[in-house]
N, C-alpha and C. Protein backbone atom coordinates (compact mmCIF):
# COMPACT_ATOMS: atom_id res chain seq x y z
N MET A 1 -80.83 -82.16 -80.88
CA MET A 1 -80.21 -82.84 -82.06
C MET A 1 -80.14 -82.63 -83.05
N LEU A 2 -80.61 -82.20 -84.04
CA LEU A 2 -80.64 -80.86 -85.31
C LEU A 2 -79.33 -80.22 -84.67
N ASN A 3 -79.68 -79.65 -83.94
CA ASN A 3 -79.01 -78.09 -83.56
C ASN A 3 -77.90 -78.75 -83.28
N LYS A 4 -76.81 -79.67 -83.08
CA LYS A 4 -75.75 -80.25 -82.82
C LYS A 4 -75.18 -80.63 -83.79
N LYS A 5 -75.95 -81.26 -85.13
CA LYS A 5 -75.67 -81.57 -86.23
C LYS A 5 -75.25 -80.62 -86.97
N ILE A 6 -76.04 -79.16 -86.58
CA ILE A 6 -75.51 -78.25 -87.80
C ILE A 6 -74.31 -77.44 -87.17
N LEU A 7 -73.91 -77.18 -85.78
CA LEU A 7 -73.20 -77.01 -85.52
C LEU A 7 -72.04 -77.40 -85.41
N ARG A 8 -71.92 -78.95 -85.74
CA ARG A 8 -70.90 -79.98 -86.25
C ARG A 8 -70.62 -79.86 -87.68
N ILE A 9 -71.04 -79.70 -88.38
CA ILE A 9 -70.95 -79.60 -89.87
C ILE A 9 -70.79 -78.23 -90.50
N LEU A 10 -70.89 -77.09 -89.34
CA LEU A 10 -70.49 -75.49 -89.57
C LEU A 10 -68.86 -76.00 -88.68
N GLY A 11 -68.88 -76.09 -88.25
CA GLY A 11 -67.45 -76.71 -87.38
C GLY A 11 -67.66 -75.53 -85.88
N MET A 12 -68.48 -75.69 -85.22
CA MET A 12 -69.15 -74.71 -84.31
C MET A 12 -68.53 -75.40 -83.15
N LYS A 13 -68.21 -75.59 -81.86
CA LYS A 13 -68.15 -75.71 -81.03
C LYS A 13 -69.19 -74.86 -79.96
N LYS A 14 -70.31 -75.59 -78.94
CA LYS A 14 -70.89 -75.17 -78.20
C LYS A 14 -70.37 -74.83 -77.08
N GLN A 15 -70.48 -72.82 -76.81
CA GLN A 15 -69.70 -72.35 -75.91
C GLN A 15 -70.32 -72.45 -74.30
N LYS A 16 -69.56 -72.68 -73.59
CA LYS A 16 -70.02 -72.75 -72.08
C LYS A 16 -69.53 -71.18 -71.12
N ALA A 17 -68.86 -70.39 -71.87
CA ALA A 17 -68.39 -68.97 -71.20
C ALA A 17 -68.16 -68.60 -72.47
N PHE A 18 -67.94 -66.77 -71.73
CA PHE A 18 -67.23 -65.71 -72.57
C PHE A 18 -66.06 -66.01 -72.83
N SER A 19 -65.55 -64.98 -73.95
CA SER A 19 -64.52 -65.42 -74.39
C SER A 19 -63.35 -64.06 -73.44
N LEU A 20 -62.23 -63.94 -73.75
CA LEU A 20 -61.59 -62.60 -72.98
C LEU A 20 -61.99 -61.73 -73.79
N ILE A 21 -61.86 -61.80 -74.99
CA ILE A 21 -62.29 -60.50 -76.37
C ILE A 21 -63.49 -59.80 -75.49
N GLU A 22 -64.69 -60.51 -75.99
CA GLU A 22 -65.72 -60.15 -75.47
C GLU A 22 -65.76 -59.53 -73.92
N ILE A 23 -65.47 -60.21 -73.27
CA ILE A 23 -65.20 -59.18 -71.93
C ILE A 23 -64.60 -57.94 -71.71
N MET A 24 -63.64 -57.39 -72.72
CA MET A 24 -62.51 -56.37 -73.05
C MET A 24 -63.81 -55.37 -73.68
N VAL A 25 -64.65 -56.10 -74.71
CA VAL A 25 -65.47 -55.07 -75.39
C VAL A 25 -66.57 -54.68 -74.48
N ALA A 26 -67.05 -55.60 -74.08
CA ALA A 26 -68.68 -54.84 -72.87
C ALA A 26 -67.59 -54.25 -71.82
N LEU A 27 -66.23 -54.53 -71.54
CA LEU A 27 -65.88 -53.52 -70.73
C LEU A 27 -65.04 -51.86 -70.88
N LEU A 28 -65.57 -51.87 -72.18
CA LEU A 28 -64.48 -50.83 -73.61
C LEU A 28 -66.24 -50.13 -73.59
N ILE A 29 -66.93 -50.74 -73.46
CA ILE A 29 -68.48 -49.68 -74.05
C ILE A 29 -69.30 -49.66 -72.70
N PHE A 30 -69.36 -50.27 -71.59
CA PHE A 30 -69.39 -49.95 -70.39
C PHE A 30 -68.55 -48.69 -69.90
N ALA A 31 -67.66 -48.53 -70.22
CA ALA A 31 -66.69 -47.33 -69.70
C ALA A 31 -66.54 -45.72 -70.53
N ILE A 32 -67.33 -46.44 -72.20
CA ILE A 32 -67.97 -45.58 -72.21
C ILE A 32 -68.52 -44.60 -72.25
N ALA A 33 -69.86 -45.23 -71.92
CA ALA A 33 -71.19 -45.45 -71.23
C ALA A 33 -71.37 -44.68 -69.99
N MET A 34 -69.98 -44.59 -69.02
CA MET A 34 -69.60 -43.98 -67.84
C MET A 34 -69.29 -42.66 -68.15
N LEU A 35 -68.06 -42.57 -69.70
CA LEU A 35 -67.76 -41.43 -69.40
C LEU A 35 -68.56 -39.89 -70.13
N GLY A 36 -69.83 -40.30 -70.38
CA GLY A 36 -71.28 -39.55 -70.88
C GLY A 36 -71.77 -39.13 -69.51
N ILE A 37 -71.76 -40.22 -68.27
CA ILE A 37 -72.37 -40.16 -67.39
C ILE A 37 -71.59 -39.06 -66.16
N ILE A 38 -70.52 -39.31 -66.29
CA ILE A 38 -69.83 -38.53 -64.97
C ILE A 38 -69.64 -36.91 -64.83
N PRO A 39 -70.11 -36.34 -66.27
CA PRO A 39 -71.12 -34.89 -66.21
C PRO A 39 -71.74 -34.85 -65.68
N LEU A 40 -72.90 -35.46 -65.99
CA LEU A 40 -74.23 -35.21 -65.37
C LEU A 40 -74.19 -35.47 -63.95
N LEU A 41 -73.27 -36.21 -63.51
CA LEU A 41 -73.39 -36.84 -61.54
C LEU A 41 -72.71 -35.66 -61.31
N ILE A 42 -72.03 -34.93 -61.70
CA ILE A 42 -71.08 -33.94 -60.77
C ILE A 42 -71.71 -32.25 -61.36
N ASN A 43 -72.25 -32.23 -62.66
CA ASN A 43 -73.17 -31.13 -62.61
C ASN A 43 -74.34 -31.46 -61.31
N PHE A 44 -75.19 -32.64 -61.12
CA PHE A 44 -75.95 -32.68 -60.52
C PHE A 44 -75.44 -32.63 -58.44
N MET A 45 -74.16 -33.00 -58.46
CA MET A 45 -73.64 -32.55 -57.29
C MET A 45 -73.41 -31.05 -56.67
N ARG A 46 -72.94 -30.25 -57.90
CA ARG A 46 -72.92 -29.13 -58.02
C ARG A 46 -73.92 -27.88 -57.65
N THR A 47 -75.17 -28.58 -58.25
CA THR A 47 -76.22 -27.95 -58.32
C THR A 47 -76.88 -28.54 -56.82
N ASN A 48 -76.68 -29.23 -56.42
CA ASN A 48 -77.12 -29.57 -54.58
C ASN A 48 -76.61 -29.04 -54.15
N VAL A 49 -75.46 -28.81 -54.35
CA VAL A 49 -74.53 -28.09 -52.97
C VAL A 49 -74.97 -26.67 -53.31
N MET A 50 -75.00 -25.55 -54.62
CA MET A 50 -75.83 -24.83 -54.48
C MET A 50 -76.70 -24.53 -54.00
N ASN A 51 -77.97 -25.41 -54.53
CA ASN A 51 -79.46 -25.58 -53.65
C ASN A 51 -78.87 -25.52 -52.30
N GLU A 52 -78.12 -26.16 -51.75
CA GLU A 52 -78.22 -26.19 -50.18
C GLU A 52 -77.49 -24.74 -49.57
N VAL A 53 -77.06 -24.28 -50.10
CA VAL A 53 -76.11 -22.45 -50.27
C VAL A 53 -77.70 -22.35 -50.01
N ARG A 54 -78.14 -21.99 -50.95
CA ARG A 54 -79.29 -20.99 -51.18
C ARG A 54 -80.60 -21.16 -50.00
N SER A 55 -80.62 -22.44 -49.62
CA SER A 55 -81.76 -23.00 -48.75
C SER A 55 -81.36 -22.57 -47.04
N ASN A 56 -79.93 -22.30 -47.16
CA ASN A 56 -79.40 -22.01 -45.61
C ASN A 56 -79.33 -20.35 -45.78
N ALA A 57 -79.32 -19.66 -46.80
CA ALA A 57 -79.27 -18.49 -47.04
C ALA A 57 -81.12 -17.90 -46.77
N ASN A 58 -81.49 -18.32 -47.30
CA ASN A 58 -83.22 -17.95 -46.65
C ASN A 58 -83.61 -18.18 -45.46
N TYR A 59 -82.93 -19.42 -44.53
CA TYR A 59 -82.18 -19.23 -43.39
C TYR A 59 -82.27 -18.93 -42.76
N VAL A 60 -81.26 -18.15 -43.02
CA VAL A 60 -80.31 -16.86 -41.86
C VAL A 60 -81.72 -15.87 -42.59
N MET A 61 -81.83 -15.51 -43.63
CA MET A 61 -82.78 -14.36 -44.31
C MET A 61 -84.19 -13.90 -42.94
N GLN A 62 -84.91 -15.36 -43.44
CA GLN A 62 -86.10 -15.76 -41.85
C GLN A 62 -85.49 -14.91 -40.57
N LYS A 63 -84.39 -15.49 -39.91
CA LYS A 63 -83.88 -15.25 -38.75
C LYS A 63 -83.77 -13.23 -39.15
N VAL A 64 -83.14 -13.49 -39.58
CA VAL A 64 -83.03 -11.47 -39.00
C VAL A 64 -83.95 -11.18 -39.94
N ILE A 65 -85.18 -11.47 -40.27
CA ILE A 65 -86.68 -10.57 -40.52
C ILE A 65 -87.25 -10.74 -39.22
N ASN A 66 -86.95 -12.03 -38.24
CA ASN A 66 -87.39 -12.28 -37.45
C ASN A 66 -87.29 -11.28 -35.72
N ASP A 67 -85.53 -10.98 -36.19
CA ASP A 67 -84.97 -10.08 -35.58
C ASP A 67 -85.44 -8.59 -35.68
N ARG A 68 -85.54 -8.42 -36.66
CA ARG A 68 -86.04 -7.04 -36.74
C ARG A 68 -87.22 -6.58 -36.29
N LYS A 69 -88.51 -8.08 -36.65
CA LYS A 69 -89.90 -7.48 -36.19
C LYS A 69 -89.91 -7.72 -34.61
N SER A 70 -88.74 -8.18 -33.85
CA SER A 70 -88.95 -8.30 -32.55
C SER A 70 -88.18 -7.40 -31.75
N SER A 71 -87.65 -7.06 -32.47
CA SER A 71 -87.31 -5.32 -32.43
C SER A 71 -88.03 -4.09 -31.37
N ASP A 72 -86.97 -2.98 -30.91
CA ASP A 72 -88.43 -2.38 -30.05
C ASP A 72 -88.09 -1.31 -31.83
N PHE A 73 -89.55 -1.19 -31.63
CA PHE A 73 -89.52 -0.17 -33.41
C PHE A 73 -88.89 1.21 -33.32
N ASP A 74 -88.76 2.01 -32.45
CA ASP A 74 -88.23 3.46 -32.08
C ASP A 74 -86.65 2.96 -32.17
N ASN A 75 -86.58 1.15 -32.17
CA ASN A 75 -84.87 1.13 -32.22
C ASN A 75 -84.37 0.70 -33.60
N ILE A 76 -84.92 0.40 -34.27
CA ILE A 76 -85.35 -0.51 -35.74
C ILE A 76 -84.30 0.74 -36.59
N SER A 77 -83.14 0.58 -36.36
CA SER A 77 -82.44 1.59 -37.87
C SER A 77 -81.61 0.61 -38.58
N ASP A 78 -80.70 1.44 -39.67
CA ASP A 78 -79.92 1.07 -40.59
C ASP A 78 -78.38 0.14 -39.76
N GLY A 79 -78.51 -0.91 -40.41
CA GLY A 79 -77.38 -1.34 -40.09
C GLY A 79 -76.92 -2.69 -40.86
N SER A 80 -75.78 -3.73 -40.52
CA SER A 80 -74.93 -4.60 -41.16
C SER A 80 -74.70 -5.12 -40.11
N THR A 81 -74.05 -7.04 -40.79
CA THR A 81 -73.75 -7.69 -39.73
C THR A 81 -73.34 -8.93 -40.56
N THR A 82 -72.53 -9.87 -40.06
CA THR A 82 -71.84 -11.11 -40.61
C THR A 82 -72.62 -12.18 -39.76
N GLN A 83 -72.84 -12.95 -40.71
CA GLN A 83 -73.13 -14.59 -40.02
C GLN A 83 -72.39 -15.71 -40.80
N ASN A 84 -72.13 -17.06 -39.90
CA ASN A 84 -71.72 -17.89 -40.57
C ASN A 84 -72.22 -18.76 -40.37
N TYR A 85 -72.73 -19.72 -41.20
CA TYR A 85 -73.98 -20.94 -41.22
C TYR A 85 -73.24 -21.65 -41.86
N ASN A 86 -73.17 -22.82 -41.32
CA ASN A 86 -72.40 -24.08 -42.07
C ASN A 86 -71.81 -23.75 -42.58
N ASP A 87 -70.43 -23.17 -42.83
CA ASP A 87 -69.12 -22.69 -42.57
C ASP A 87 -69.60 -21.62 -44.06
N ILE A 88 -70.42 -20.85 -44.20
CA ILE A 88 -70.62 -19.90 -45.39
C ILE A 88 -70.58 -18.67 -44.59
N GLN A 89 -70.47 -17.70 -45.38
CA GLN A 89 -70.32 -16.43 -44.23
C GLN A 89 -71.18 -15.76 -45.44
N TYR A 90 -72.49 -15.61 -44.81
CA TYR A 90 -73.39 -13.84 -44.84
C TYR A 90 -73.30 -12.87 -44.06
N ASN A 91 -73.27 -12.18 -45.34
CA ASN A 91 -72.77 -10.50 -45.50
C ASN A 91 -74.49 -10.14 -45.30
N ILE A 92 -75.01 -9.27 -44.69
CA ILE A 92 -76.46 -8.94 -44.08
C ILE A 92 -75.80 -7.54 -44.09
N SER A 93 -76.90 -6.79 -44.70
CA SER A 93 -77.05 -5.38 -44.58
C SER A 93 -78.46 -5.30 -44.79
N TRP A 94 -79.14 -3.89 -44.22
CA TRP A 94 -80.40 -3.36 -44.12
C TRP A 94 -80.84 -2.00 -43.50
N THR A 95 -81.86 -1.58 -44.56
CA THR A 95 -81.72 -0.01 -44.36
C THR A 95 -83.74 0.54 -43.95
N VAL A 96 -83.66 0.94 -43.60
CA VAL A 96 -84.59 1.44 -42.90
C VAL A 96 -85.32 2.87 -43.13
N ASP A 97 -86.81 3.04 -43.70
CA ASP A 97 -87.26 4.15 -44.43
C ASP A 97 -88.59 4.01 -43.25
N GLU A 98 -88.83 5.28 -42.81
CA GLU A 98 -89.89 5.51 -42.22
C GLU A 98 -90.89 6.42 -43.00
N ASP A 99 -92.00 5.89 -42.84
CA ASP A 99 -93.51 6.88 -43.51
C ASP A 99 -94.66 7.18 -41.99
N ASN A 100 -93.80 8.38 -41.62
CA ASN A 100 -95.01 9.06 -39.99
C ASN A 100 -96.27 9.89 -41.29
N SER A 101 -96.52 9.64 -42.23
CA SER A 101 -97.46 10.35 -43.00
C SER A 101 -98.73 10.12 -42.42
N SER A 102 -99.06 8.57 -42.50
CA SER A 102 -99.90 8.33 -42.23
C SER A 102 -100.74 7.61 -40.35
N PHE A 103 -101.55 7.50 -39.78
CA PHE A 103 -102.01 7.58 -38.93
C PHE A 103 -101.65 6.63 -38.19
N SER A 104 -100.84 5.45 -38.11
CA SER A 104 -100.19 4.67 -37.61
C SER A 104 -99.06 4.51 -38.47
N GLN A 105 -97.49 4.74 -37.82
CA GLN A 105 -95.93 4.66 -38.09
C GLN A 105 -95.94 3.10 -38.23
N ILE A 106 -95.19 2.96 -39.76
CA ILE A 106 -94.83 1.91 -40.56
C ILE A 106 -93.15 2.46 -41.07
N LYS A 107 -92.23 1.20 -40.63
CA LYS A 107 -90.84 1.13 -41.43
C LYS A 107 -91.32 -0.04 -42.58
N ARG A 108 -90.28 0.56 -43.45
CA ARG A 108 -90.13 -0.31 -44.26
C ARG A 108 -88.61 -0.93 -44.36
N VAL A 109 -88.39 -2.16 -44.09
CA VAL A 109 -86.66 -2.14 -43.76
C VAL A 109 -86.96 -3.71 -45.24
N SER A 110 -85.60 -3.15 -45.43
CA SER A 110 -84.96 -3.61 -46.85
C SER A 110 -84.16 -4.44 -46.52
N ILE A 111 -83.75 -5.60 -46.83
CA ILE A 111 -82.65 -6.67 -46.38
C ILE A 111 -81.92 -7.00 -47.44
N ILE A 112 -80.53 -6.66 -47.32
CA ILE A 112 -79.54 -7.62 -48.42
C ILE A 112 -79.04 -8.47 -47.99
N LEU A 113 -78.49 -9.86 -48.40
CA LEU A 113 -77.66 -10.93 -47.89
C LEU A 113 -77.04 -11.41 -49.18
N LYS A 114 -75.92 -11.25 -48.79
CA LYS A 114 -75.01 -11.57 -50.18
C LYS A 114 -73.73 -12.76 -49.45
N TRP A 115 -73.47 -13.67 -50.37
CA TRP A 115 -72.50 -14.57 -49.66
C TRP A 115 -71.36 -15.33 -51.24
N GLN A 116 -70.81 -15.50 -50.64
CA GLN A 116 -69.65 -16.10 -52.46
C GLN A 116 -70.53 -17.26 -52.49
N LYS A 117 -70.23 -17.71 -53.66
CA LYS A 117 -71.06 -19.13 -54.43
C LYS A 117 -70.02 -20.25 -54.00
N PRO A 118 -70.50 -20.95 -54.16
CA PRO A 118 -69.41 -22.70 -53.74
C PRO A 118 -68.63 -22.77 -55.38
N TYR A 119 -67.69 -23.48 -55.35
CA TYR A 119 -66.77 -23.28 -56.43
C TYR A 119 -65.83 -22.18 -56.78
N GLY A 120 -66.06 -20.78 -56.00
CA GLY A 120 -65.80 -19.90 -56.48
C GLY A 120 -66.16 -18.89 -57.82
N LYS A 121 -67.52 -19.42 -58.21
CA LYS A 121 -68.62 -18.93 -58.92
C LYS A 121 -69.03 -17.84 -58.93
N GLY A 122 -68.44 -16.65 -58.00
CA GLY A 122 -68.79 -15.62 -57.61
C GLY A 122 -69.33 -14.98 -56.80
N GLU A 123 -70.57 -14.12 -56.58
CA GLU A 123 -71.36 -13.97 -55.67
C GLU A 123 -72.33 -13.96 -55.63
N ASP A 124 -73.56 -13.91 -54.97
CA ASP A 124 -74.93 -14.47 -55.35
C ASP A 124 -75.99 -13.63 -54.33
N ASN A 125 -76.93 -13.58 -54.13
CA ASN A 125 -77.54 -12.51 -52.70
C ASN A 125 -79.29 -12.37 -53.19
N LEU A 126 -79.62 -12.32 -52.06
CA LEU A 126 -80.91 -12.62 -51.57
C LEU A 126 -81.70 -11.46 -51.37
N THR A 127 -82.87 -11.03 -51.47
CA THR A 127 -83.49 -9.90 -50.94
C THR A 127 -84.81 -9.65 -50.57
N SER A 128 -84.81 -8.90 -49.65
CA SER A 128 -86.62 -8.80 -48.48
C SER A 128 -86.62 -7.72 -48.18
N GLU A 129 -87.73 -7.20 -48.49
CA GLU A 129 -88.79 -6.25 -47.53
C GLU A 129 -89.30 -6.52 -46.95
N VAL A 130 -89.24 -5.89 -45.40
CA VAL A 130 -90.12 -5.69 -44.66
C VAL A 130 -91.00 -4.80 -44.24
N PHE A 131 -92.30 -4.50 -44.18
CA PHE A 131 -92.96 -3.49 -43.87
C PHE A 131 -93.17 -3.65 -41.85
N ILE A 132 -93.48 -3.26 -40.80
CA ILE A 132 -93.16 -3.29 -39.50
C ILE A 132 -93.87 -1.88 -39.16
N ARG A 133 -94.93 -2.71 -38.40
CA ARG A 133 -95.89 -1.20 -37.56
C ARG A 133 -95.64 -1.34 -36.24
N LYS A 134 -95.81 0.09 -36.05
CA LYS A 134 -95.41 0.10 -34.07
C LYS A 134 -97.17 -0.26 -33.63
N GLU A 135 -97.18 -0.69 -32.90
CA GLU A 135 -98.47 -1.31 -32.28
C GLU A 135 -98.19 -0.31 -30.68
């Protein structure tokens, strides 16, 4: 009751809804906040795609390693190939170094896997070395 009297004395009416100006100011504040968040979302999506491509590269690398390990020891030699996986072209090359000085023959296979980074950001690569022993 006292509250109504104070509002009447001050000439104010009790509001039941928001005015158009209040809604527009709220929308403006929301839009400014979104402008700050959008670059973060774009960066997050790009990083996610690049991580997915690198994960696929790890898969392709593991496949190449398994292929070299399952090959006949005497037929393991230098080579290169290209594989497409999830619309990305991976260029794979490997070199073989033999060590015949030990009691058991060992070959060191150095593998380099290269691909174009998404969004035209240059080239990326992954390297690995595998030692294969003649059984």
